[in-house]
Amino acid sequence: MELASQLDKLGTETAFAVSAAAAAWAAKGHKVYPFHLGDINIPTPQNIVDATAKAIADGYTGYCPGAGIPELRAALAADAGAHLQQLPEPHRRTVLARRDGGGRRTCAAPRSVGVE
């Protein structure tokens, strides 16, 4: 099987390395604002609280499929197809709920046309 060349460029997750460096810096008495990992104590907007409560009441209490919700993947593939020369196949797309380097690397990986 031929793999996308971008897979050679995948790196490692850095958030935990940054967290360790921040902890070491804080241990030396420096002030650290923990924007690098986890909860930063910003109140959740009410519309998100309401949507979450509704989803729980509607039974959406487990994990979604690893590659993302099929209907969302299909909608994103169709939208991307409006901007590309070919329509991406939904089963070749992955939806990630993250905004870190790992997410960007994963999104970049499957972009070679005709390869897995």
C-alpha atoms as a PDB file:
ATOM      1  CA  MET A   1       0.000   0.000   0.000  1.00  0.00           C
ATOM      2  CA  GLU A   2       1.359   3.426  -0.936  1.00  0.00           C
ATOM      3  CA  LEU A   3       1.105   5.933   1.896  1.00  0.00           C
ATOM      4  CA  ALA A   4       0.827   9.705   1.678  1.00  0.00           C
ATOM      5  CA  SER A   5       4.255  11.362   1.740  1.00  0.00           C
ATOM      6  CA  GLN A   6       3.063  13.738   4.463  1.00  0.00           C
ATOM      7  CA  LEU A   7       3.101  10.837   6.941  1.00  0.00           C
ATOM      8  CA  ASP A   8       6.904  11.146   6.968  1.00  0.00           C
ATOM      9  CA  LYS A   9       6.496  14.626   8.454  1.00  0.00           C
ATOM     10  CA  LEU A  10       4.433  13.600  11.479  1.00  0.00           C
ATOM     11  CA  GLY A  11       6.004  14.780  14.705  1.00  0.00           C
ATOM     12  CA  THR A  12       5.255  14.173  18.333  1.00  0.00           C
ATOM     13  CA  GLU A  13       2.774  15.839  20.655  1.00  0.00           C
ATOM     14  CA  THR A  14       4.400  18.809  22.394  1.00  0.00           C
ATOM     15  CA  ALA A  15       1.718  19.893  24.882  1.00  0.00           C
ATOM     16  CA  PHE A  16       3.016  17.595  27.602  1.00  0.00           C
ATOM     17  CA  ALA A  17       6.620  18.722  27.062  1.00  0.00           C
ATOM     18  CA  VAL A  18       5.468  22.333  27.387  1.00  0.00           C
ATOM     19  CA  SER A  19       3.552  21.415  30.543  1.00  0.00           C
ATOM     20  CA  ALA A  20       6.656  19.845  32.092  1.00  0.00           C
ATOM     21  CA  ALA A  21       8.777  22.882  31.176  1.00  0.00           C
ATOM     22  CA  ALA A  22       6.135  25.217  32.632  1.00  0.00           C
ATOM     23  CA  ALA A  23       6.022  23.196  35.859  1.00  0.00           C
ATOM     24  CA  ALA A  24       9.818  23.376  36.140  1.00  0.00           C
ATOM     25  CA  TRP A  25       9.691  27.144  35.544  1.00  0.00           C
ATOM     26  CA  ALA A  26       6.964  27.536  38.200  1.00  0.00           C
ATOM     27  CA  ALA A  27       8.987  25.414  40.640  1.00  0.00           C
ATOM     28  CA  LYS A  28      11.720  28.070  40.421  1.00  0.00           C
ATOM     29  CA  GLY A  29       9.240  30.652  41.696  1.00  0.00           C
ATOM     30  CA  HIS A  30       8.159  32.134  38.370  1.00  0.00           C
ATOM     31  CA  LYS A  31       4.507  32.935  37.616  1.00  0.00           C
ATOM     32  CA  VAL A  32       3.039  30.611  34.980  1.00  0.00           C
ATOM     33  CA  TYR A  33      -0.317  31.110  33.285  1.00  0.00           C
ATOM     34  CA  PRO A  34      -1.440  27.598  32.291  1.00  0.00           C
ATOM     35  CA  PHE A  35      -2.621  28.233  28.734  1.00  0.00           C
ATOM     36  CA  HIS A  36      -0.536  25.327  27.444  1.00  0.00           C
ATOM     37  CA  LEU A  37      -2.674  22.413  28.635  1.00  0.00           C
ATOM     38  CA  GLY A  38      -6.038  21.774  30.199  1.00  0.00           C
ATOM     39  CA  ASP A  39      -8.588  23.984  31.915  1.00  0.00           C
ATOM     40  CA  ILE A  40      -7.869  27.706  32.133  1.00  0.00           C
ATOM     41  CA  ASN A  41     -10.974  28.475  34.243  1.00  0.00           C
ATOM     42  CA  ILE A  42     -12.900  30.457  31.646  1.00  0.00           C
ATOM     43  CA  PRO A  43     -16.666  30.177  32.227  1.00  0.00           C
ATOM     44  CA  THR A  44     -18.419  28.022  29.647  1.00  0.00           C
ATOM     45  CA  PRO A  45     -20.765  30.103  27.438  1.00  0.00           C
ATOM     46  CA  GLN A  46     -24.461  29.495  28.193  1.00  0.00           C
ATOM     47  CA  ASN A  47     -25.271  28.247  24.665  1.00  0.00           C
ATOM     48  CA  ILE A  48     -22.686  25.492  25.091  1.00  0.00           C
ATOM     49  CA  VAL A  49     -24.043  24.605  28.556  1.00  0.00           C
ATOM     50  CA  ASP A  50     -27.565  24.376  27.081  1.00  0.00           C
ATOM     51  CA  ALA A  51     -26.461  22.288  24.080  1.00  0.00           C
ATOM     52  CA  THR A  52     -24.516  19.949  26.368  1.00  0.00           C
ATOM     53  CA  ALA A  53     -27.494  19.462  28.693  1.00  0.00           C
ATOM     54  CA  LYS A  54     -29.739  18.721  25.701  1.00  0.00           C
ATOM     55  CA  ALA A  55     -27.241  16.221  24.258  1.00  0.00           C
ATOM     56  CA  ILE A  56     -27.022  14.413  27.604  1.00  0.00           C
ATOM     57  CA  ALA A  57     -30.830  14.346  27.913  1.00  0.00           C
ATOM     58  CA  ASP A  58     -31.026  12.978  24.350  1.00  0.00           C
ATOM     59  CA  GLY A  59     -28.686  10.107  25.251  1.00  0.00           C
ATOM     60  CA  TYR A  60     -25.465  11.319  23.640  1.00  0.00           C
ATOM     61  CA  THR A  61     -23.304  10.262  26.570  1.00  0.00           C
ATOM     62  CA  GLY A  62     -20.669   8.045  24.948  1.00  0.00           C
ATOM     63  CA  TYR A  63     -17.784   8.551  22.598  1.00  0.00           C
ATOM     64  CA  CYS A  64     -18.465   9.315  18.958  1.00  0.00           C
ATOM     65  CA  PRO A  65     -16.781   7.133  16.310  1.00  0.00           C
ATOM     66  CA  GLY A  66     -13.001   7.556  16.286  1.00  0.00           C
ATOM     67  CA  ALA A  67     -12.920   9.160  12.848  1.00  0.00           C
ATOM     68  CA  GLY A  68     -15.826  11.486  13.642  1.00  0.00           C
ATOM     69  CA  ILE A  69     -19.595  11.505  13.244  1.00  0.00           C
ATOM     70  CA  PRO A  70     -20.415  10.105   9.763  1.00  0.00           C
ATOM     71  CA  GLU A  71     -22.952  12.837   8.928  1.00  0.00           C
ATOM     72  CA  LEU A  72     -20.437  15.535   9.868  1.00  0.00           C
ATOM     73  CA  ARG A  73     -17.698  13.863   7.811  1.00  0.00           C
ATOM     74  CA  ALA A  74     -20.032  13.705   4.796  1.00  0.00           C
ATOM     75  CA  ALA A  75     -21.021  17.367   5.171  1.00  0.00           C
ATOM     76  CA  LEU A  76     -17.388  18.461   5.481  1.00  0.00           C
ATOM     77  CA  ALA A  77     -16.387  16.368   2.463  1.00  0.00           C
ATOM     78  CA  ALA A  78     -19.189  17.922   0.405  1.00  0.00           C
ATOM     79  CA  ASP A  79     -18.179  21.421   1.511  1.00  0.00           C
ATOM     80  CA  ALA A  80     -14.520  20.741   0.713  1.00  0.00           C
ATOM     81  CA  GLY A  81     -15.585  19.359  -2.666  1.00  0.00           C
ATOM     82  CA  ALA A  82     -17.100  22.731  -3.491  1.00  0.00           C
ATOM     83  CA  HIS A  83     -13.598  24.227  -3.205  1.00  0.00           C
ATOM     84  CA  LEU A  84     -11.514  21.412  -4.746  1.00  0.00           C
ATOM     85  CA  GLN A  85     -11.240  19.837  -8.167  1.00  0.00           C
ATOM     86  CA  GLN A  86     -12.499  16.507  -6.881  1.00  0.00           C
ATOM     87  CA  LEU A  87     -15.081  15.520  -4.295  1.00  0.00           C
ATOM     88  CA  PRO A  88     -13.346  14.052  -1.230  1.00  0.00           C
ATOM     89  CA  GLU A  89     -14.752  10.716  -0.156  1.00  0.00           C
ATOM     90  CA  PRO A  90     -16.219  10.983   3.379  1.00  0.00           C
ATOM     91  CA  HIS A  91     -14.691   7.661   4.472  1.00  0.00           C
ATOM     92  CA  ARG A  92     -11.242   9.145   3.751  1.00  0.00           C
ATOM     93  CA  ARG A  93     -11.803  12.121   6.071  1.00  0.00           C
ATOM     94  CA  THR A  94     -11.315  12.307   9.822  1.00  0.00           C
ATOM     95  CA  VAL A  95     -12.805  14.887  12.180  1.00  0.00           C
ATOM     96  CA  LEU A  96     -10.700  15.763  15.218  1.00  0.00           C
ATOM     97  CA  ALA A  97     -11.810  17.654  18.302  1.00  0.00           C
ATOM     98  CA  ARG A  98      -8.442  19.270  18.954  1.00  0.00           C
ATOM     99  CA  ARG A  99      -6.520  22.355  17.954  1.00  0.00           C
ATOM    100  CA  ASP A 100      -2.959  21.342  18.696  1.00  0.00           C
ATOM    101  CA  GLY A 101      -0.072  20.264  16.514  1.00  0.00           C
ATOM    102  CA  GLY A 102      -1.206  16.646  16.497  1.00  0.00           C
ATOM    103  CA  GLY A 103      -4.494  17.687  14.966  1.00  0.00           C
ATOM    104  CA  ARG A 104      -2.791  19.754  12.281  1.00  0.00           C
ATOM    105  CA  ARG A 105      -0.380  16.921  11.477  1.00  0.00           C
ATOM    106  CA  THR A 106      -3.213  14.398  11.256  1.00  0.00           C
ATOM    107  CA  CYS A 107      -5.220  16.677   8.965  1.00  0.00           C
ATOM    108  CA  ALA A 108      -2.234  17.205   6.675  1.00  0.00           C
ATOM    109  CA  ALA A 109      -1.389  13.520   6.385  1.00  0.00           C
ATOM    110  CA  PRO A 110      -4.100  12.163   4.033  1.00  0.00           C
ATOM    111  CA  ARG A 111      -3.841  14.824   1.347  1.00  0.00           C
ATOM    112  CA  SER A 112      -1.907  12.959  -1.356  1.00  0.00           C
ATOM    113  CA  VAL A 113      -4.296  12.156  -4.206  1.00  0.00           C
ATOM    114  CA  GLY A 114      -4.659   8.455  -4.931  1.00  0.00           C
ATOM    115  CA  VAL A 115      -2.833   7.091  -1.898  1.00  0.00           C
ATOM    116  CA  GLU A 116      -3.942   5.955   1.556  1.00  0.00           C
END
